[in-house]
Amino acid sequence: MKRSIVILTVAALLAGAAVGAFASGSKEATGPKKSGIVIGFSNAGMGDSWRQFLVANFKAEVAKHPEISSFYITNADEKPEKQLADIDDLIVKGVDALIVYPTVADAIIPAIERVYEQGIPVIVFGGTINTTKYTSLVMEDLKQMGRSQAEWLAKELGGKGKIVMLSGIAGNTTAEDRYAGAMEALKKYPNIQILDHQYCDWSPPKAKSIMEAMIQAFPQIDGIWADSGLMSWPALQALKEANRPLVPTTGDQLNGYTKFLVEHNVPGYAYPMTTKLSGEAVVQALKAVKGEPVDKTVYIKVNGYGPSEIKQLTKPDLSDWWWIGDDQMPKEFLPQL
């Protein structure tokens, strides 16, 4: 099965009309622009290959729109204080719309609200944010991600067994939403025993170390729920090195994780955290600048990959740090990994 991306508009008609009124109202002084549009993208950082694909999808979408005359991308190095300064710099450059992938969402709310109140469309993407002063929020349903992963694992185990759980960063909205969704799903399976749950910071070395400790603590592990291949892949490596059975796991679309599954014929499930969010943010930014109605929240729905889809999509000849399914763009935009 090929993955399909569906854009679901979740605002009611009244809310959509209100947002559309903002988009038009914000441009009363200058009028909606149809050409010569300048886009600013404040990125949280470029510390991993997922972020490289995020920027690649942004650039690939921009290239589809000749009405965009130029764009700027800033890199905050995961520092909220730098992202605040980056946003100020982008506004000084005269951008017509601001796209933001937040470092720490709460820390940069003042900047987002200030830009929004100036009448400049602000598109936030990635996860939830504790304000309504933005033009549109583009995101995945991260709880659904966790639910889908847990549902697959529970069914793969026949509704019973002992599992361990590996999450990203404690307190991070993305990690906590995925975990909350997983726990909702697992409530329906009373014969699934959760042996342990640990936060691994989306760090492969830390995940491997934690899994090694779990192997010592638990003589029987039947499955691994992890919210990312960044943890399930090293967890499987730890099992292999300990000469323990390779068990069903969950993760995301990281090529290293899926390559391991295919190579060792291990059942696994990959639910993408798609980098196409940045491209959809460009689409929403253009709507706002042109004075078209913009939905307050836009969800990108993705389909998970089971074992058969994983075999089809995995790129055995490409880097472990490739992100399968997010590479559907012209070759000139693909990251060099």
C-alpha atoms as a PDB file:
ATOM      1  CA  MET A   1       0.000   0.000   0.000  1.00  0.00           C
ATOM      2  CA  LYS A   2       1.299   3.417  -0.860  1.00  0.00           C
ATOM      3  CA  ARG A   3       1.106   6.066   1.799  1.00  0.00           C
ATOM      4  CA  SER A   4      -1.426   8.787   1.143  1.00  0.00           C
ATOM      5  CA  ILE A   5      -1.388  12.263   2.613  1.00  0.00           C
ATOM      6  CA  VAL A   6      -4.748  13.869   3.242  1.00  0.00           C
ATOM      7  CA  ILE A   7      -5.153  17.431   4.402  1.00  0.00           C
ATOM      8  CA  LEU A   8      -8.008  17.612   6.856  1.00  0.00           C
ATOM      9  CA  THR A   9      -9.455  21.020   7.664  1.00  0.00           C
ATOM     10  CA  VAL A  10     -10.656  20.886  11.231  1.00  0.00           C
ATOM     11  CA  ALA A  11     -11.997  24.382  11.757  1.00  0.00           C
ATOM     12  CA  ALA A  12     -15.738  24.832  11.575  1.00  0.00           C
ATOM     13  CA  LEU A  13     -17.095  27.087   8.860  1.00  0.00           C
ATOM     14  CA  LEU A  14     -17.559  29.919  11.288  1.00  0.00           C
ATOM     15  CA  ALA A  15     -13.994  29.628  12.552  1.00  0.00           C
ATOM     16  CA  GLY A  16     -12.706  29.431   9.012  1.00  0.00           C
ATOM     17  CA  ALA A  17     -14.596  32.576   8.124  1.00  0.00           C
ATOM     18  CA  ALA A  18     -13.102  34.321  11.118  1.00  0.00           C
ATOM     19  CA  VAL A  19      -9.586  33.343  10.098  1.00  0.00           C
ATOM     20  CA  GLY A  20     -10.292  34.360   6.529  1.00  0.00           C
ATOM     21  CA  ALA A  21     -11.457  37.713   7.819  1.00  0.00           C
ATOM     22  CA  PHE A  22      -8.139  38.077   9.639  1.00  0.00           C
ATOM     23  CA  ALA A  23      -6.192  37.212   6.518  1.00  0.00           C
ATOM     24  CA  SER A  24      -8.018  39.884   4.592  1.00  0.00           C
ATOM     25  CA  GLY A  25      -8.098  42.366   7.433  1.00  0.00           C
ATOM     26  CA  SER A  26      -4.374  42.049   8.073  1.00  0.00           C
ATOM     27  CA  LYS A  27      -3.720  43.236   4.541  1.00  0.00           C
ATOM     28  CA  GLU A  28      -6.062  46.241   4.494  1.00  0.00           C
ATOM     29  CA  ALA A  29      -3.151  48.640   4.553  1.00  0.00           C
ATOM     30  CA  THR A  30      -1.175  47.057   1.720  1.00  0.00           C
ATOM     31  CA  GLY A  31      -3.719  44.763   0.081  1.00  0.00           C
ATOM     32  CA  PRO A  32      -3.291  41.033  -0.527  1.00  0.00           C
ATOM     33  CA  LYS A  33      -0.208  40.175  -2.553  1.00  0.00           C
ATOM     34  CA  LYS A  34      -0.322  37.928  -5.611  1.00  0.00           C
ATOM     35  CA  SER A  35       3.351  38.107  -6.592  1.00  0.00           C
ATOM     36  CA  GLY A  36       6.714  39.171  -5.218  1.00  0.00           C
ATOM     37  CA  ILE A  37       5.947  37.330  -1.983  1.00  0.00           C
ATOM     38  CA  VAL A  38       8.737  36.955   0.577  1.00  0.00           C
ATOM     39  CA  ILE A  39       8.562  34.052   3.042  1.00  0.00           C
ATOM     40  CA  GLY A  40      10.526  33.777   6.278  1.00  0.00           C
ATOM     41  CA  PHE A  41      11.140  30.383   7.910  1.00  0.00           C
ATOM     42  CA  SER A  42      12.349  30.368  11.513  1.00  0.00           C
ATOM     43  CA  ASN A  43      13.644  26.828  12.037  1.00  0.00           C
ATOM     44  CA  ALA A  44      14.383  25.398  15.473  1.00  0.00           C
ATOM     45  CA  GLY A  45      17.633  23.803  14.367  1.00  0.00           C
ATOM     46  CA  MET A  46      19.472  21.568  11.933  1.00  0.00           C
ATOM     47  CA  GLY A  47      20.920  19.015  14.329  1.00  0.00           C
ATOM     48  CA  ASP A  48      19.780  15.846  12.562  1.00  0.00           C
ATOM     49  CA  SER A  49      18.810  14.454   9.172  1.00  0.00           C
ATOM     50  CA  TRP A  50      15.077  14.767   9.899  1.00  0.00           C
ATOM     51  CA  ARG A  51      15.582  18.541   9.982  1.00  0.00           C
ATOM     52  CA  GLN A  52      17.461  18.361   6.679  1.00  0.00           C
ATOM     53  CA  PHE A  53      14.440  16.700   5.089  1.00  0.00           C
ATOM     54  CA  LEU A  54      12.230  19.332   6.718  1.00  0.00           C
ATOM     55  CA  VAL A  55      14.156  22.121   4.981  1.00  0.00           C
ATOM     56  CA  ALA A  56      14.277  20.131   1.735  1.00  0.00           C
ATOM     57  CA  ASN A  57      10.489  19.785   1.676  1.00  0.00           C
ATOM     58  CA  PHE A  58      10.148  23.502   2.413  1.00  0.00           C
ATOM     59  CA  LYS A  59      12.395  24.422  -0.521  1.00  0.00           C
ATOM     60  CA  ALA A  60      10.708  21.929  -2.840  1.00  0.00           C
ATOM     61  CA  GLU A  61       7.297  23.456  -2.096  1.00  0.00           C
ATOM     62  CA  VAL A  62       8.578  27.016  -2.518  1.00  0.00           C
ATOM     63  CA  ALA A  63       9.907  26.055  -5.963  1.00  0.00           C
ATOM     64  CA  LYS A  64       6.365  25.182  -7.065  1.00  0.00           C
ATOM     65  CA  HIS A  65       5.180  28.783  -6.557  1.00  0.00           C
ATOM     66  CA  PRO A  66       6.592  31.453  -8.891  1.00  0.00           C
ATOM     67  CA  GLU A  67       4.714  34.090  -6.913  1.00  0.00           C
ATOM     68  CA  ILE A  68       7.345  33.621  -4.172  1.00  0.00           C
ATOM     69  CA  SER A  69      10.189  35.931  -5.151  1.00  0.00           C
ATOM     70  CA  SER A  70      12.503  35.079  -2.250  1.00  0.00           C
ATOM     71  CA  PHE A  71      12.704  33.352   1.101  1.00  0.00           C
ATOM     72  CA  TYR A  72      14.871  33.348   4.206  1.00  0.00           C
ATOM     73  CA  ILE A  73      15.647  30.415   6.515  1.00  0.00           C
ATOM     74  CA  THR A  74      17.162  30.860   9.969  1.00  0.00           C
ATOM     75  CA  ASN A  75      18.613  28.189  12.249  1.00  0.00           C
ATOM     76  CA  ALA A  76      18.144  28.658  16.001  1.00  0.00           C
ATOM     77  CA  ASP A  77      20.459  25.795  17.034  1.00  0.00           C
ATOM     78  CA  GLU A  78      17.672  24.635  19.396  1.00  0.00           C
ATOM     79  CA  LYS A  79      18.089  27.806  21.488  1.00  0.00           C
ATOM     80  CA  PRO A  80      14.861  29.707  22.228  1.00  0.00           C
ATOM     81  CA  GLU A  81      16.722  32.976  22.778  1.00  0.00           C
ATOM     82  CA  LYS A  82      18.303  32.701  19.342  1.00  0.00           C
ATOM     83  CA  GLN A  83      14.947  31.902  17.743  1.00  0.00           C
ATOM     84  CA  LEU A  84      13.493  35.043  19.289  1.00  0.00           C
ATOM     85  CA  ALA A  85      16.287  37.058  17.704  1.00  0.00           C
ATOM     86  CA  ASP A  86      15.888  35.198  14.401  1.00  0.00           C
ATOM     87  CA  ILE A  87      12.200  36.108  14.243  1.00  0.00           C
ATOM     88  CA  ASP A  88      13.016  39.762  14.847  1.00  0.00           C
ATOM     89  CA  ASP A  89      15.584  39.637  12.026  1.00  0.00           C
ATOM     90  CA  LEU A  90      13.080  38.089   9.617  1.00  0.00           C
ATOM     91  CA  ILE A  91      10.536  40.798  10.329  1.00  0.00           C
ATOM     92  CA  VAL A  92      13.172  43.492   9.740  1.00  0.00           C
ATOM     93  CA  LYS A  93      13.817  41.895   6.343  1.00  0.00           C
ATOM     94  CA  GLY A  94      10.205  42.593   5.430  1.00  0.00           C
ATOM     95  CA  VAL A  95       8.771  39.098   5.075  1.00  0.00           C
ATOM     96  CA  ASP A  96       5.141  38.852   4.002  1.00  0.00           C
ATOM     97  CA  ALA A  97       4.562  35.706   6.085  1.00  0.00           C
ATOM     98  CA  LEU A  98       6.406  33.993   8.922  1.00  0.00           C
ATOM     99  CA  ILE A  99       6.658  30.194   9.233  1.00  0.00           C
ATOM    100  CA  VAL A 100       7.858  28.872  12.591  1.00  0.00           C
ATOM    101  CA  TYR A 101       9.039  25.447  13.714  1.00  0.00           C
ATOM    102  CA  PRO A 102       9.445  26.144  17.438  1.00  0.00           C
ATOM    103  CA  THR A 103      12.350  25.261  19.672  1.00  0.00           C
ATOM    104  CA  VAL A 104      10.406  25.479  22.944  1.00  0.00           C
ATOM    105  CA  ALA A 105       6.917  26.606  22.004  1.00  0.00           C
ATOM    106  CA  ASP A 106       6.096  28.450  25.245  1.00  0.00           C
ATOM    107  CA  ALA A 107       9.359  30.394  25.135  1.00  0.00           C
ATOM    108  CA  ILE A 108       8.704  31.941  21.737  1.00  0.00           C
ATOM    109  CA  ILE A 109       4.981  32.651  22.141  1.00  0.00           C
ATOM    110  CA  PRO A 110       5.629  36.370  22.805  1.00  0.00           C
ATOM    111  CA  ALA A 111       7.389  36.728  19.440  1.00  0.00           C
ATOM    112  CA  ILE A 112       4.695  34.805  17.573  1.00  0.00           C
ATOM    113  CA  GLU A 113       1.950  36.890  19.148  1.00  0.00           C
ATOM    114  CA  ARG A 114       3.786  40.147  18.416  1.00  0.00           C
ATOM    115  CA  VAL A 115       4.213  39.313  14.734  1.00  0.00           C
ATOM    116  CA  TYR A 116       0.596  38.177  14.455  1.00  0.00           C
ATOM    117  CA  GLU A 117      -0.635  41.408  16.049  1.00  0.00           C
ATOM    118  CA  GLN A 118       1.366  43.372  13.458  1.00  0.00           C
ATOM    119  CA  GLY A 119      -0.871  41.822  10.797  1.00  0.00           C
ATOM    120  CA  ILE A 120       1.766  39.485   9.376  1.00  0.00           C
ATOM    121  CA  PRO A 121       0.468  35.946   8.822  1.00  0.00           C
ATOM    122  CA  VAL A 122       2.148  33.444  11.138  1.00  0.00           C
ATOM    123  CA  ILE A 123       2.111  29.727  10.350  1.00  0.00           C
ATOM    124  CA  VAL A 124       3.287  27.464  13.178  1.00  0.00           C
ATOM    125  CA  PHE A 125       3.913  23.784  12.543  1.00  0.00           C
ATOM    126  CA  GLY A 126       5.020  20.653  14.333  1.00  0.00           C
ATOM    127  CA  GLY A 127       2.973  20.455  17.534  1.00  0.00           C
ATOM    128  CA  THR A 128       0.547  22.277  19.766  1.00  0.00           C
ATOM    129  CA  ILE A 129       1.238  25.761  21.098  1.00  0.00           C
ATOM    130  CA  ASN A 130      -0.363  27.552  24.049  1.00  0.00           C
ATOM    131  CA  THR A 131      -1.768  30.581  22.239  1.00  0.00           C
ATOM    132  CA  THR A 132      -4.382  31.321  19.598  1.00  0.00           C
ATOM    133  CA  LYS A 133      -2.547  34.322  18.180  1.00  0.00           C
ATOM    134  CA  TYR A 134      -1.329  32.699  14.999  1.00  0.00           C
ATOM    135  CA  THR A 135      -2.851  32.389  11.566  1.00  0.00           C
ATOM    136  CA  SER A 136      -2.689  28.620  11.122  1.00  0.00           C
ATOM    137  CA  LEU A 137      -1.266  25.605  12.943  1.00  0.00           C
ATOM    138  CA  VAL A 138      -0.057  22.737  10.730  1.00  0.00           C
ATOM    139  CA  MET A 139       0.487  19.455  12.532  1.00  0.00           C
ATOM    140  CA  GLU A 140       0.021  15.726  12.798  1.00  0.00           C
ATOM    141  CA  ASP A 141      -2.241  14.129  15.376  1.00  0.00           C
ATOM    142  CA  LEU A 142       0.585  12.936  17.593  1.00  0.00           C
ATOM    143  CA  LYS A 143      -1.726  11.062  19.948  1.00  0.00           C
ATOM    144  CA  GLN A 144      -2.983   9.121  16.952  1.00  0.00           C
ATOM    145  CA  MET A 145       0.619   8.275  16.157  1.00  0.00           C
ATOM    146  CA  GLY A 146       1.073   6.700  19.597  1.00  0.00           C
ATOM    147  CA  ARG A 147      -2.300   4.974  19.421  1.00  0.00           C
ATOM    148  CA  SER A 148      -1.593   3.467  16.009  1.00  0.00           C
ATOM    149  CA  GLN A 149       1.812   2.192  17.117  1.00  0.00           C
ATOM    150  CA  ALA A 150       0.395   0.614  20.283  1.00  0.00           C
ATOM    151  CA  GLU A 151      -2.595  -0.899  18.473  1.00  0.00           C
ATOM    152  CA  TRP A 152      -0.314  -2.557  15.935  1.00  0.00           C
ATOM    153  CA  LEU A 153       1.988  -3.938  18.633  1.00  0.00           C
ATOM    154  CA  ALA A 154      -0.866  -5.280  20.749  1.00  0.00           C
ATOM    155  CA  LYS A 155      -2.443  -7.035  17.773  1.00  0.00           C
ATOM    156  CA  GLU A 156       0.926  -8.388  16.617  1.00  0.00           C
ATOM    157  CA  LEU A 157       1.330  -9.958  20.080  1.00  0.00           C
ATOM    158  CA  GLY A 158      -2.152 -11.435  19.994  1.00  0.00           C
ATOM    159  CA  GLY A 159      -3.327  -9.162  22.801  1.00  0.00           C
ATOM    160  CA  LYS A 160      -0.975 -10.531  25.455  1.00  0.00           C
ATOM    161  CA  GLY A 161       2.660 -10.292  26.430  1.00  0.00           C
ATOM    162  CA  LYS A 162       5.270  -8.246  28.241  1.00  0.00           C
ATOM    163  CA  ILE A 163       6.501  -5.020  26.672  1.00  0.00           C
ATOM    164  CA  VAL A 164       8.827  -2.130  27.388  1.00  0.00           C
ATOM    165  CA  MET A 165       8.199   1.462  26.284  1.00  0.00           C
ATOM    166  CA  LEU A 166      10.719   4.067  25.081  1.00  0.00           C
ATOM    167  CA  SER A 167       9.798   7.744  24.707  1.00  0.00           C
ATOM    168  CA  GLY A 168      11.619  10.868  23.552  1.00  0.00           C
ATOM    169  CA  ILE A 169      12.213  13.828  25.852  1.00  0.00           C
ATOM    170  CA  ALA A 170      10.319  14.025  29.159  1.00  0.00           C
ATOM    171  CA  GLY A 171       7.938  16.977  29.150  1.00  0.00           C
ATOM    172  CA  ASN A 172       8.259  17.530  25.417  1.00  0.00           C
ATOM    173  CA  THR A 173       4.778  17.911  23.909  1.00  0.00           C
ATOM    174  CA  THR A 174       5.570  15.641  20.971  1.00  0.00           C
ATOM    175  CA  ALA A 175       6.854  12.830  23.189  1.00  0.00           C
ATOM    176  CA  GLU A 176       4.115  13.157  25.786  1.00  0.00           C
ATOM    177  CA  ASP A 177       1.312  13.210  23.206  1.00  0.00           C
ATOM    178  CA  ARG A 178       2.654  10.054  21.537  1.00  0.00           C
ATOM    179  CA  TYR A 179       2.936   8.297  24.898  1.00  0.00           C
ATOM    180  CA  ALA A 180      -0.551   9.411  25.968  1.00  0.00           C
ATOM    181  CA  GLY A 181      -1.994   8.019  22.741  1.00  0.00           C
ATOM    182  CA  ALA A 182      -0.193   4.721  23.273  1.00  0.00           C
ATOM    183  CA  MET A 183      -1.505   4.391  26.817  1.00  0.00           C
ATOM    184  CA  GLU A 184      -5.061   5.072  25.610  1.00  0.00           C
ATOM    185  CA  ALA A 185      -4.763   2.187  23.165  1.00  0.00           C
ATOM    186  CA  LEU A 186      -3.135  -0.217  25.616  1.00  0.00           C
ATOM    187  CA  LYS A 187      -5.980   0.212  28.118  1.00  0.00           C
ATOM    188  CA  LYS A 188      -8.001  -2.039  25.836  1.00  0.00           C
ATOM    189  CA  TYR A 189      -5.497  -4.866  26.279  1.00  0.00           C
ATOM    190  CA  PRO A 190      -5.397  -5.915  29.949  1.00  0.00           C
ATOM    191  CA  ASN A 191      -3.151  -8.881  29.135  1.00  0.00           C
ATOM    192  CA  ILE A 192      -0.402  -6.613  27.855  1.00  0.00           C
ATOM    193  CA  GLN A 193       1.976  -6.017  30.771  1.00  0.00           C
ATOM    194  CA  ILE A 194       4.150  -2.894  30.666  1.00  0.00           C
ATOM    195  CA  LEU A 195       7.429  -3.849  32.301  1.00  0.00           C
ATOM    196  CA  ASP A 196       9.008  -0.393  32.153  1.00  0.00           C
ATOM    197  CA  HIS A 197       8.758   3.001  30.472  1.00  0.00           C
ATOM    198  CA  GLN A 198      11.810   5.225  30.040  1.00  0.00           C
ATOM    199  CA  TYR A 199      12.653   8.503  28.296  1.00  0.00           C
ATOM    200  CA  CYS A 200      15.593   8.256  25.902  1.00  0.00           C
ATOM    201  CA  ASP A 201      15.745  11.824  24.536  1.00  0.00           C
ATOM    202  CA  TRP A 202      15.525  10.483  20.941  1.00  0.00           C
ATOM    203  CA  SER A 203      19.184   9.564  21.420  1.00  0.00           C
ATOM    204  CA  PRO A 204      20.252   6.206  19.911  1.00  0.00           C
ATOM    205  CA  PRO A 205      23.184   5.742  22.357  1.00  0.00           C
ATOM    206  CA  LYS A 206      20.978   6.495  25.364  1.00  0.00           C
ATOM    207  CA  ALA A 207      18.213   4.232  24.067  1.00  0.00           C
ATOM    208  CA  LYS A 208      20.671   1.374  23.630  1.00  0.00           C
ATOM    209  CA  SER A 209      22.045   1.843  27.134  1.00  0.00           C
ATOM    210  CA  ILE A 210      18.548   1.898  28.640  1.00  0.00           C
ATOM    211  CA  MET A 211      17.550  -1.179  26.662  1.00  0.00           C
ATOM    212  CA  GLU A 212      20.651  -3.014  27.869  1.00  0.00           C
ATOM    213  CA  ALA A 213      19.555  -2.321  31.444  1.00  0.00           C
ATOM    214  CA  MET A 214      16.037  -3.562  30.655  1.00  0.00           C
ATOM    215  CA  ILE A 215      17.474  -6.770  29.197  1.00  0.00           C
ATOM    216  CA  GLN A 216      19.319  -7.360  32.474  1.00  0.00           C
ATOM    217  CA  ALA A 217      16.193  -6.620  34.495  1.00  0.00           C
ATOM    218  CA  PHE A 218      13.633  -8.617  32.527  1.00  0.00           C
ATOM    219  CA  PRO A 219      14.233 -12.193  31.354  1.00  0.00           C
ATOM    220  CA  GLN A 220      11.197 -12.002  29.052  1.00  0.00           C
ATOM    221  CA  ILE A 221      10.477  -9.093  26.719  1.00  0.00           C
ATOM    222  CA  ASP A 222       7.883  -9.801  24.023  1.00  0.00           C
ATOM    223  CA  GLY A 223       7.651  -6.408  22.366  1.00  0.00           C
ATOM    224  CA  ILE A 224       8.947  -2.852  22.284  1.00  0.00           C
ATOM    225  CA  TRP A 225       6.815   0.247  21.886  1.00  0.00           C
ATOM    226  CA  ALA A 226       9.019   3.180  20.878  1.00  0.00           C
ATOM    227  CA  ASP A 227       7.755   6.469  19.474  1.00  0.00           C
ATOM    228  CA  SER A 228      10.722   6.703  17.069  1.00  0.00           C
ATOM    229  CA  GLY A 229      13.090   4.463  15.168  1.00  0.00           C
ATOM    230  CA  LEU A 230      15.835   6.451  16.890  1.00  0.00           C
ATOM    231  CA  MET A 231      15.061   4.261  19.925  1.00  0.00           C
ATOM    232  CA  SER A 232      13.608   1.019  18.558  1.00  0.00           C
ATOM    233  CA  TRP A 233      16.563   0.477  16.210  1.00  0.00           C
ATOM    234  CA  PRO A 234      19.252   0.593  18.976  1.00  0.00           C
ATOM    235  CA  ALA A 235      16.926  -1.392  21.252  1.00  0.00           C
ATOM    236  CA  LEU A 236      16.852  -4.165  18.663  1.00  0.00           C
ATOM    237  CA  GLN A 237      20.628  -3.960  18.341  1.00  0.00           C
ATOM    238  CA  ALA A 238      20.915  -4.438  22.109  1.00  0.00           C
ATOM    239  CA  LEU A 239      18.695  -7.537  21.955  1.00  0.00           C
ATOM    240  CA  LYS A 240      20.781  -8.978  19.136  1.00  0.00           C
ATOM    241  CA  GLU A 241      24.050  -8.398  20.977  1.00  0.00           C
ATOM    242  CA  ALA A 242      22.595 -10.058  24.078  1.00  0.00           C
ATOM    243  CA  ASN A 243      21.505 -13.079  22.017  1.00  0.00           C
ATOM    244  CA  ARG A 244      17.905 -12.410  22.966  1.00  0.00           C
ATOM    245  CA  PRO A 245      14.975 -12.919  20.570  1.00  0.00           C
ATOM    246  CA  LEU A 246      14.307 -10.012  18.212  1.00  0.00           C
ATOM    247  CA  VAL A 247      10.763  -8.942  19.046  1.00  0.00           C
ATOM    248  CA  PRO A 248       8.100  -6.826  17.308  1.00  0.00           C
ATOM    249  CA  THR A 249       8.766  -3.101  17.612  1.00  0.00           C
ATOM    250  CA  THR A 250       7.304   0.244  16.620  1.00  0.00           C
ATOM    251  CA  GLY A 251       9.009   3.389  15.386  1.00  0.00           C
ATOM    252  CA  ASP A 252       8.926   5.940  12.604  1.00  0.00           C
ATOM    253  CA  GLN A 253      10.215   6.190   9.032  1.00  0.00           C
ATOM    254  CA  LEU A 254      13.946   6.220   9.855  1.00  0.00           C
ATOM    255  CA  ASN A 255      15.727   4.163   7.205  1.00  0.00           C
ATOM    256  CA  GLY A 256      18.211   2.612   9.653  1.00  0.00           C
ATOM    257  CA  TYR A 257      15.329   1.205  11.692  1.00  0.00           C
ATOM    258  CA  THR A 258      13.452  -0.175   8.705  1.00  0.00           C
ATOM    259  CA  LYS A 259      16.657  -1.588   7.164  1.00  0.00           C
ATOM    260  CA  PHE A 260      17.285  -3.550  10.369  1.00  0.00           C
ATOM    261  CA  LEU A 261      13.740  -4.941  10.283  1.00  0.00           C
ATOM    262  CA  VAL A 262      14.073  -6.081   6.679  1.00  0.00           C
ATOM    263  CA  GLU A 263      17.583  -7.497   7.072  1.00  0.00           C
ATOM    264  CA  HIS A 264      16.648  -9.580  10.117  1.00  0.00           C
ATOM    265  CA  ASN A 265      13.071 -10.378   9.028  1.00  0.00           C
ATOM    266  CA  VAL A 266      11.635  -8.863  12.204  1.00  0.00           C
ATOM    267  CA  PRO A 267       8.018  -7.619  12.259  1.00  0.00           C
ATOM    268  CA  GLY A 268       7.829  -3.886  12.837  1.00  0.00           C
ATOM    269  CA  TYR A 269       5.609  -0.877  12.357  1.00  0.00           C
ATOM    270  CA  ALA A 270       6.689   2.571  11.188  1.00  0.00           C
ATOM    271  CA  TYR A 271       4.387   5.553  11.696  1.00  0.00           C
ATOM    272  CA  PRO A 272       5.909   8.590   9.970  1.00  0.00           C
ATOM    273  CA  MET A 273       6.513  11.913  11.649  1.00  0.00           C
ATOM    274  CA  THR A 274       6.446  13.500   8.223  1.00  0.00           C
ATOM    275  CA  THR A 275       8.760  16.320   7.222  1.00  0.00           C
ATOM    276  CA  LYS A 276       6.125  17.362   4.674  1.00  0.00           C
ATOM    277  CA  LEU A 277       4.724  19.579   7.427  1.00  0.00           C
ATOM    278  CA  SER A 278       7.037  22.356   6.231  1.00  0.00           C
ATOM    279  CA  GLY A 279       5.690  22.189   2.690  1.00  0.00           C
ATOM    280  CA  GLU A 280       2.092  22.428   3.876  1.00  0.00           C
ATOM    281  CA  ALA A 281       3.096  25.424   6.009  1.00  0.00           C
ATOM    282  CA  VAL A 282       4.209  27.165   2.797  1.00  0.00           C
ATOM    283  CA  VAL A 283       0.811  26.436   1.207  1.00  0.00           C
ATOM    284  CA  GLN A 284      -1.037  27.965   4.172  1.00  0.00           C
ATOM    285  CA  ALA A 285       1.276  30.975   4.280  1.00  0.00           C
ATOM    286  CA  LEU A 286       0.559  31.755   0.623  1.00  0.00           C
ATOM    287  CA  LYS A 287      -3.186  31.537   1.180  1.00  0.00           C
ATOM    288  CA  ALA A 288      -2.958  34.036   4.007  1.00  0.00           C
ATOM    289  CA  VAL A 289      -0.757  36.480   2.084  1.00  0.00           C
ATOM    290  CA  LYS A 290      -3.145  36.342  -0.892  1.00  0.00           C
ATOM    291  CA  GLY A 291      -6.110  37.132   1.329  1.00  0.00           C
ATOM    292  CA  GLU A 292      -7.673  33.695   0.966  1.00  0.00           C
ATOM    293  CA  PRO A 293      -9.459  31.924   3.855  1.00  0.00           C
ATOM    294  CA  VAL A 294      -7.073  29.953   6.061  1.00  0.00           C
ATOM    295  CA  ASP A 295      -8.115  27.250   8.519  1.00  0.00           C
ATOM    296  CA  LYS A 296      -6.956  27.763  12.076  1.00  0.00           C
ATOM    297  CA  THR A 297      -5.721  24.168  12.322  1.00  0.00           C
ATOM    298  CA  VAL A 298      -4.659  21.899   9.471  1.00  0.00           C
ATOM    299  CA  TYR A 299      -3.896  18.272  10.256  1.00  0.00           C
ATOM    300  CA  ILE A 300      -1.743  16.201   7.940  1.00  0.00           C
ATOM    301  CA  LYS A 301      -2.946  12.636   8.211  1.00  0.00           C
ATOM    302  CA  VAL A 302      -0.407   9.920   7.490  1.00  0.00           C
ATOM    303  CA  ASN A 303      -0.721   6.161   7.170  1.00  0.00           C
ATOM    304  CA  GLY A 304       1.532   3.824   9.099  1.00  0.00           C
ATOM    305  CA  TYR A 305       3.723   1.242   7.387  1.00  0.00           C
ATOM    306  CA  GLY A 306       3.356  -2.417   8.277  1.00  0.00           C
ATOM    307  CA  PRO A 307       5.950  -5.077   7.421  1.00  0.00           C
ATOM    308  CA  SER A 308       4.972  -5.324   3.740  1.00  0.00           C
ATOM    309  CA  GLU A 309       5.089  -1.549   3.177  1.00  0.00           C
ATOM    310  CA  ILE A 310       8.391  -1.363   5.036  1.00  0.00           C
ATOM    311  CA  LYS A 311       9.925  -3.904   2.653  1.00  0.00           C
ATOM    312  CA  GLN A 312       8.734  -1.857  -0.326  1.00  0.00           C
ATOM    313  CA  LEU A 313       9.844   1.556   0.946  1.00  0.00           C
ATOM    314  CA  THR A 314      13.130   0.813   2.735  1.00  0.00           C
ATOM    315  CA  LYS A 315      16.209   2.089   0.897  1.00  0.00           C
ATOM    316  CA  PRO A 316      18.951  -0.504   1.590  1.00  0.00           C
ATOM    317  CA  ASP A 317      21.527   1.379  -0.479  1.00  0.00           C
ATOM    318  CA  LEU A 318      20.943   4.753   1.182  1.00  0.00           C
ATOM    319  CA  SER A 319      22.042   6.210   4.504  1.00  0.00           C
ATOM    320  CA  ASP A 320      20.656   4.907   7.786  1.00  0.00           C
ATOM    321  CA  TRP A 321      19.662   8.519   8.405  1.00  0.00           C
ATOM    322  CA  TRP A 322      17.412   8.735   5.337  1.00  0.00           C
ATOM    323  CA  TRP A 323      13.677   9.237   5.967  1.00  0.00           C
ATOM    324  CA  ILE A 324      11.664   6.937   3.759  1.00  0.00           C
ATOM    325  CA  GLY A 325       8.488   8.306   2.196  1.00  0.00           C
ATOM    326  CA  ASP A 326       9.591  11.902   2.744  1.00  0.00           C
ATOM    327  CA  ASP A 327      11.884  11.790  -0.286  1.00  0.00           C
ATOM    328  CA  GLN A 328       9.158  12.319  -2.892  1.00  0.00           C
ATOM    329  CA  MET A 329      10.614  15.520  -4.320  1.00  0.00           C
ATOM    330  CA  PRO A 330      12.824  16.484  -7.281  1.00  0.00           C
ATOM    331  CA  LYS A 331      16.348  15.108  -6.872  1.00  0.00           C
ATOM    332  CA  GLU A 332      17.934  18.546  -6.684  1.00  0.00           C
ATOM    333  CA  PHE A 333      16.237  19.122  -3.314  1.00  0.00           C
ATOM    334  CA  LEU A 334      17.134  15.804  -1.688  1.00  0.00           C
ATOM    335  CA  PRO A 335      19.608  16.031   1.227  1.00  0.00           C
ATOM    336  CA  GLN A 336      23.117  14.747   0.617  1.00  0.00           C
ATOM    337  CA  LEU A 337      23.581  12.157   3.358  1.00  0.00           C
END
